[in-house]
Amino acid sequence: MKMSAIVFIRHAETDMAGRFCGRADPEMNMTGERQLAGVVEAIAPLGIQRILSSDLRRASRTAAAIAQHIGVNVELQPGFREIHFGLWEGLSWQEIEHQFPQEAGRWLRSFPWQNAPEGEAYTAFTARIDAAIAPLLCETVGLTTAVVTHRGVMCYALRTFFGFPEAEAWTTTAPYGAVVTAAIRPCDCEVLP
């Protein structure tokens, strides 16, 4: 029987690189457009048979480039969106510390349980990802499925569903266009969170 796997792919770069970009929906920048060729080349030999993607432009555009190359349709799923950073969307950490000093301090002390002002609660974010990933563990028997998404989503899914240590999940998802393959064990769908 062919191994089942989920290939997590971080979207290519946008002009909001280095800023809090959750629900914001920027296009890819020129660097991101150039990164697409490397992403497509990296995933070409993996035998991807299904592509799911966040519906935000930076992810859906990355997914579309992959889909065009390998001849598979893209299924857009809002459940794979990044966490919403509320009033911090589009700001750098330096700007956040200047404009929201008290909230920034609370966020550092209580991360991930303290959400950004008017942002999505971490529990809502993780419940959304659980609902999007859990069915894939049983639906993808014998398939290699790509999930084109965002760093926060990838880190949480890799730790929660595939046992990646936190440091490894954080470093492997750091580059824009990162590709991380996670094997699905037959028992994974029996122990859903």
C-alpha atoms as a PDB file:
ATOM      1  CA  MET A   1       0.000   0.000   0.000  1.00  0.00           C
ATOM      2  CA  LYS A   2       1.276   3.460  -0.898  1.00  0.00           C
ATOM      3  CA  MET A   3       2.204   5.708   2.022  1.00  0.00           C
ATOM      4  CA  SER A   4      -0.241   8.530   2.730  1.00  0.00           C
ATOM      5  CA  ALA A   5       1.229  11.970   3.323  1.00  0.00           C
ATOM      6  CA  ILE A   6       0.339  15.607   3.654  1.00  0.00           C
ATOM      7  CA  VAL A   7       2.807  17.997   2.061  1.00  0.00           C
ATOM      8  CA  PHE A   8       2.533  21.353   3.805  1.00  0.00           C
ATOM      9  CA  ILE A   9       3.643  24.283   1.660  1.00  0.00           C
ATOM     10  CA  ARG A  10       4.075  27.820   2.947  1.00  0.00           C
ATOM     11  CA  HIS A  11       2.958  30.491   0.521  1.00  0.00           C
ATOM     12  CA  ALA A  12       5.471  32.620  -1.361  1.00  0.00           C
ATOM     13  CA  GLU A  13       6.578  36.065  -0.138  1.00  0.00           C
ATOM     14  CA  THR A  14       4.500  39.266  -0.118  1.00  0.00           C
ATOM     15  CA  ASP A  15       5.361  42.904   0.584  1.00  0.00           C
ATOM     16  CA  MET A  16       4.140  42.312   4.146  1.00  0.00           C
ATOM     17  CA  ALA A  17       7.106  40.045   4.932  1.00  0.00           C
ATOM     18  CA  GLY A  18       8.330  40.899   8.431  1.00  0.00           C
ATOM     19  CA  ARG A  19       4.933  42.274   9.443  1.00  0.00           C
ATOM     20  CA  PHE A  20       1.929  40.707  11.131  1.00  0.00           C
ATOM     21  CA  CYS A  21      -0.004  39.329   8.197  1.00  0.00           C
ATOM     22  CA  GLY A  22      -2.840  37.059   9.170  1.00  0.00           C
ATOM     23  CA  ARG A  23      -6.167  37.864   7.570  1.00  0.00           C
ATOM     24  CA  ALA A  24      -4.668  40.647   5.460  1.00  0.00           C
ATOM     25  CA  ASP A  25      -4.732  39.587   1.825  1.00  0.00           C
ATOM     26  CA  PRO A  26      -1.745  40.996  -0.079  1.00  0.00           C
ATOM     27  CA  GLU A  27      -0.577  39.745  -3.442  1.00  0.00           C
ATOM     28  CA  MET A  28       2.814  38.113  -3.785  1.00  0.00           C
ATOM     29  CA  ASN A  29       5.684  40.458  -4.514  1.00  0.00           C
ATOM     30  CA  MET A  30       8.337  39.956  -7.204  1.00  0.00           C
ATOM     31  CA  THR A  31      10.493  37.868  -4.866  1.00  0.00           C
ATOM     32  CA  GLY A  32       7.472  35.658  -4.188  1.00  0.00           C
ATOM     33  CA  GLU A  33       6.810  35.261  -7.905  1.00  0.00           C
ATOM     34  CA  ARG A  34      10.407  34.093  -8.356  1.00  0.00           C
ATOM     35  CA  GLN A  35      10.069  31.694  -5.410  1.00  0.00           C
ATOM     36  CA  LEU A  36       7.206  29.899  -7.147  1.00  0.00           C
ATOM     37  CA  ALA A  37       9.586  28.194  -9.579  1.00  0.00           C
ATOM     38  CA  GLY A  38      11.555  26.698  -6.678  1.00  0.00           C
ATOM     39  CA  VAL A  39       8.381  25.556  -4.912  1.00  0.00           C
ATOM     40  CA  VAL A  40       7.059  23.896  -8.056  1.00  0.00           C
ATOM     41  CA  GLU A  41      10.411  22.182  -8.629  1.00  0.00           C
ATOM     42  CA  ALA A  42      10.537  20.951  -5.012  1.00  0.00           C
ATOM     43  CA  ILE A  43       7.085  19.386  -5.085  1.00  0.00           C
ATOM     44  CA  ALA A  44       7.141  18.009  -8.653  1.00  0.00           C
ATOM     45  CA  PRO A  45       8.625  14.596  -7.689  1.00  0.00           C
ATOM     46  CA  LEU A  46       6.340  14.109  -4.659  1.00  0.00           C
ATOM     47  CA  GLY A  47       3.375  12.688  -6.588  1.00  0.00           C
ATOM     48  CA  ILE A  48       0.791  15.104  -5.229  1.00  0.00           C
ATOM     49  CA  GLN A  49      -2.720  14.009  -6.162  1.00  0.00           C
ATOM     50  CA  ARG A  50      -4.819  16.598  -4.326  1.00  0.00           C
ATOM     51  CA  ILE A  51      -4.229  20.266  -3.451  1.00  0.00           C
ATOM     52  CA  LEU A  52      -6.041  22.163  -0.709  1.00  0.00           C
ATOM     53  CA  SER A  53      -5.280  25.791  -0.022  1.00  0.00           C
ATOM     54  CA  SER A  54      -6.108  28.734   2.166  1.00  0.00           C
ATOM     55  CA  ASP A  55      -8.330  31.059   0.177  1.00  0.00           C
ATOM     56  CA  LEU A  56      -6.098  34.064   0.874  1.00  0.00           C
ATOM     57  CA  ARG A  57      -4.339  35.280  -2.288  1.00  0.00           C
ATOM     58  CA  ARG A  58      -0.756  34.585  -1.260  1.00  0.00           C
ATOM     59  CA  ALA A  59      -1.602  30.928  -0.635  1.00  0.00           C
ATOM     60  CA  SER A  60      -4.125  30.412  -3.429  1.00  0.00           C
ATOM     61  CA  ARG A  61      -1.715  31.916  -5.990  1.00  0.00           C
ATOM     62  CA  THR A  62       1.041  29.581  -4.786  1.00  0.00           C
ATOM     63  CA  ALA A  63      -1.377  26.641  -4.994  1.00  0.00           C
ATOM     64  CA  ALA A  64      -2.481  27.673  -8.496  1.00  0.00           C
ATOM     65  CA  ALA A  65       1.117  27.638  -9.756  1.00  0.00           C
ATOM     66  CA  ILE A  66       1.624  24.133  -8.359  1.00  0.00           C
ATOM     67  CA  ALA A  67      -1.711  22.948  -9.742  1.00  0.00           C
ATOM     68  CA  GLN A  68      -0.946  24.258 -13.201  1.00  0.00           C
ATOM     69  CA  HIS A  69       2.383  22.435 -13.235  1.00  0.00           C
ATOM     70  CA  ILE A  70       1.103  19.052 -12.053  1.00  0.00           C
ATOM     71  CA  GLY A  71      -2.421  19.150 -13.511  1.00  0.00           C
ATOM     72  CA  VAL A  72      -4.453  18.945 -10.290  1.00  0.00           C
ATOM     73  CA  ASN A  73      -7.321  21.236  -9.244  1.00  0.00           C
ATOM     74  CA  VAL A  74      -7.101  23.440  -6.155  1.00  0.00           C
ATOM     75  CA  GLU A  75      -9.722  23.162  -3.408  1.00  0.00           C
ATOM     76  CA  LEU A  76      -9.915  26.473  -1.488  1.00  0.00           C
ATOM     77  CA  GLN A  77     -10.617  26.138   2.222  1.00  0.00           C
ATOM     78  CA  PRO A  78     -10.957  29.138   4.567  1.00  0.00           C
ATOM     79  CA  GLY A  79     -10.100  26.809   7.469  1.00  0.00           C
ATOM     80  CA  PHE A  80      -6.461  26.975   6.378  1.00  0.00           C
ATOM     81  CA  ARG A  81      -6.228  30.774   6.800  1.00  0.00           C
ATOM     82  CA  GLU A  82      -3.613  32.271   9.117  1.00  0.00           C
ATOM     83  CA  ILE A  83      -4.705  33.570  12.519  1.00  0.00           C
ATOM     84  CA  HIS A  84      -6.309  37.006  12.395  1.00  0.00           C
ATOM     85  CA  PHE A  85      -4.124  39.604  14.137  1.00  0.00           C
ATOM     86  CA  GLY A  86      -6.874  42.218  14.470  1.00  0.00           C
ATOM     87  CA  LEU A  87      -5.521  45.746  14.978  1.00  0.00           C
ATOM     88  CA  TRP A  88      -1.959  44.464  14.531  1.00  0.00           C
ATOM     89  CA  GLU A  89      -2.475  43.440  10.903  1.00  0.00           C
ATOM     90  CA  GLY A  90       0.186  45.018   8.706  1.00  0.00           C
ATOM     91  CA  LEU A  91       2.320  46.269  11.586  1.00  0.00           C
ATOM     92  CA  SER A  92       5.900  45.364  12.450  1.00  0.00           C
ATOM     93  CA  TRP A  93       6.687  44.252  16.006  1.00  0.00           C
ATOM     94  CA  GLN A  94       8.425  47.599  16.613  1.00  0.00           C
ATOM     95  CA  GLU A  95       5.253  49.440  15.560  1.00  0.00           C
ATOM     96  CA  ILE A  96       3.126  47.185  17.760  1.00  0.00           C
ATOM     97  CA  GLU A  97       5.348  47.828  20.798  1.00  0.00           C
ATOM     98  CA  HIS A  98       5.105  51.575  20.143  1.00  0.00           C
ATOM     99  CA  GLN A  99       1.347  51.727  19.442  1.00  0.00           C
ATOM    100  CA  PHE A 100       0.166  48.959  21.814  1.00  0.00           C
ATOM    101  CA  PRO A 101       2.780  48.726  24.603  1.00  0.00           C
ATOM    102  CA  GLN A 102       0.518  47.153  27.242  1.00  0.00           C
ATOM    103  CA  GLU A 103      -1.093  44.683  24.857  1.00  0.00           C
ATOM    104  CA  ALA A 104       2.311  43.761  23.410  1.00  0.00           C
ATOM    105  CA  GLY A 105       3.640  43.006  26.888  1.00  0.00           C
ATOM    106  CA  ARG A 106       0.627  40.846  27.737  1.00  0.00           C
ATOM    107  CA  TRP A 107       0.970  39.041  24.413  1.00  0.00           C
ATOM    108  CA  LEU A 108       4.649  38.228  25.062  1.00  0.00           C
ATOM    109  CA  ARG A 109       3.903  36.966  28.585  1.00  0.00           C
ATOM    110  CA  SER A 110       0.900  34.856  27.606  1.00  0.00           C
ATOM    111  CA  PHE A 111       1.577  33.744  24.016  1.00  0.00           C
ATOM    112  CA  PRO A 112      -0.238  31.989  22.427  1.00  0.00           C
ATOM    113  CA  TRP A 113      -3.209  32.407  24.770  1.00  0.00           C
ATOM    114  CA  GLN A 114      -3.359  36.215  24.565  1.00  0.00           C
ATOM    115  CA  ASN A 115      -4.797  37.325  21.234  1.00  0.00           C
ATOM    116  CA  ALA A 116      -3.998  40.597  19.505  1.00  0.00           C
ATOM    117  CA  PRO A 117      -6.530  43.400  20.074  1.00  0.00           C
ATOM    118  CA  GLU A 118      -9.658  42.541  18.078  1.00  0.00           C
ATOM    119  CA  GLY A 119      -7.834  39.468  16.774  1.00  0.00           C
ATOM    120  CA  GLU A 120      -8.796  35.828  16.634  1.00  0.00           C
ATOM    121  CA  ALA A 121      -8.485  33.833  19.840  1.00  0.00           C
ATOM    122  CA  TYR A 122      -5.879  31.066  19.669  1.00  0.00           C
ATOM    123  CA  THR A 123      -8.487  28.484  20.695  1.00  0.00           C
ATOM    124  CA  ALA A 124     -10.711  29.521  17.756  1.00  0.00           C
ATOM    125  CA  PHE A 125      -7.703  29.372  15.425  1.00  0.00           C
ATOM    126  CA  THR A 126      -6.691  25.880  16.548  1.00  0.00           C
ATOM    127  CA  ALA A 127     -10.284  24.592  16.444  1.00  0.00           C
ATOM    128  CA  ARG A 128     -10.512  25.816  12.843  1.00  0.00           C
ATOM    129  CA  ILE A 129      -7.295  23.997  11.910  1.00  0.00           C
ATOM    130  CA  ASP A 130      -8.375  20.842  13.741  1.00  0.00           C
ATOM    131  CA  ALA A 131     -11.608  20.840  11.723  1.00  0.00           C
ATOM    132  CA  ALA A 132      -9.671  21.255   8.462  1.00  0.00           C
ATOM    133  CA  ILE A 133      -6.856  18.735   9.116  1.00  0.00           C
ATOM    134  CA  ALA A 134      -8.581  15.936  11.039  1.00  0.00           C
ATOM    135  CA  PRO A 135     -10.687  14.683   8.108  1.00  0.00           C
ATOM    136  CA  LEU A 136      -7.605  14.598   5.869  1.00  0.00           C
ATOM    137  CA  LEU A 137      -6.013  11.979   8.086  1.00  0.00           C
ATOM    138  CA  CYS A 138      -8.718   9.497   7.079  1.00  0.00           C
ATOM    139  CA  GLU A 139      -9.640  10.824   3.608  1.00  0.00           C
ATOM    140  CA  THR A 140      -6.155  10.609   2.156  1.00  0.00           C
ATOM    141  CA  VAL A 141      -5.450   6.896   2.480  1.00  0.00           C
ATOM    142  CA  GLY A 142      -2.862   6.081  -0.165  1.00  0.00           C
ATOM    143  CA  LEU A 143      -2.763   9.703  -1.380  1.00  0.00           C
ATOM    144  CA  THR A 144      -0.240  12.490  -1.228  1.00  0.00           C
ATOM    145  CA  THR A 145      -2.147  15.679  -0.496  1.00  0.00           C
ATOM    146  CA  ALA A 146      -0.692  19.199  -0.602  1.00  0.00           C
ATOM    147  CA  VAL A 147      -1.925  21.848   1.831  1.00  0.00           C
ATOM    148  CA  VAL A 148      -0.827  25.341   0.810  1.00  0.00           C
ATOM    149  CA  THR A 149      -1.162  27.575   3.815  1.00  0.00           C
ATOM    150  CA  HIS A 150       0.597  29.858   6.314  1.00  0.00           C
ATOM    151  CA  ARG A 151       3.342  29.451   8.879  1.00  0.00           C
ATOM    152  CA  GLY A 152       1.130  29.546  11.962  1.00  0.00           C
ATOM    153  CA  VAL A 153      -1.173  26.901  10.530  1.00  0.00           C
ATOM    154  CA  MET A 154       1.760  24.708   9.542  1.00  0.00           C
ATOM    155  CA  CYS A 155       3.471  24.958  12.935  1.00  0.00           C
ATOM    156  CA  TYR A 156       0.326  24.044  14.825  1.00  0.00           C
ATOM    157  CA  ALA A 157      -0.605  21.158  12.496  1.00  0.00           C
ATOM    158  CA  LEU A 158       2.910  19.692  12.461  1.00  0.00           C
ATOM    159  CA  ARG A 159       3.136  19.734  16.267  1.00  0.00           C
ATOM    160  CA  THR A 160      -0.400  18.582  16.987  1.00  0.00           C
ATOM    161  CA  PHE A 161      -1.014  15.959  14.341  1.00  0.00           C
ATOM    162  CA  PHE A 162       2.468  14.758  13.429  1.00  0.00           C
ATOM    163  CA  GLY A 163       4.502  15.087  16.623  1.00  0.00           C
ATOM    164  CA  PHE A 164       7.056  17.606  15.370  1.00  0.00           C
ATOM    165  CA  PRO A 165       8.941  19.258  18.244  1.00  0.00           C
ATOM    166  CA  GLU A 166       8.066  22.942  18.508  1.00  0.00           C
ATOM    167  CA  ALA A 167      11.555  24.130  17.522  1.00  0.00           C
ATOM    168  CA  GLU A 168      11.606  21.886  14.446  1.00  0.00           C
ATOM    169  CA  ALA A 169       8.135  22.993  13.354  1.00  0.00           C
ATOM    170  CA  TRP A 170       9.187  26.637  13.747  1.00  0.00           C
ATOM    171  CA  THR A 171      12.468  26.369  11.815  1.00  0.00           C
ATOM    172  CA  THR A 172      11.254  24.140   8.970  1.00  0.00           C
ATOM    173  CA  THR A 173       8.365  26.504   8.212  1.00  0.00           C
ATOM    174  CA  ALA A 174      10.416  29.710   8.379  1.00  0.00           C
ATOM    175  CA  PRO A 175      11.228  30.227   4.678  1.00  0.00           C
ATOM    176  CA  TYR A 176       8.557  31.457   2.326  1.00  0.00           C
ATOM    177  CA  GLY A 177       7.823  28.542   0.024  1.00  0.00           C
ATOM    178  CA  ALA A 178       8.860  25.994   2.688  1.00  0.00           C
ATOM    179  CA  VAL A 179       7.849  22.414   1.847  1.00  0.00           C
ATOM    180  CA  VAL A 180       7.404  19.985   4.764  1.00  0.00           C
ATOM    181  CA  THR A 181       6.165  16.428   4.254  1.00  0.00           C
ATOM    182  CA  ALA A 182       4.338  14.657   7.077  1.00  0.00           C
ATOM    183  CA  ALA A 183       3.577  10.933   6.774  1.00  0.00           C
ATOM    184  CA  ILE A 184       0.145   9.765   7.879  1.00  0.00           C
ATOM    185  CA  ARG A 185       0.168   6.598   9.957  1.00  0.00           C
ATOM    186  CA  PRO A 186      -2.822   4.252   9.676  1.00  0.00           C
ATOM    187  CA  CYS A 187      -3.743   4.911  13.307  1.00  0.00           C
ATOM    188  CA  ASP A 188      -3.819   8.735  12.967  1.00  0.00           C
ATOM    189  CA  CYS A 189      -7.500   8.864  12.063  1.00  0.00           C
ATOM    190  CA  GLU A 190      -8.346   6.796  15.151  1.00  0.00           C
ATOM    191  CA  VAL A 191      -6.870   9.345  17.571  1.00  0.00           C
ATOM    192  CA  LEU A 192      -8.205  12.636  16.289  1.00  0.00           C
ATOM    193  CA  PRO A 193      -7.915  15.575  18.700  1.00  0.00           C
END
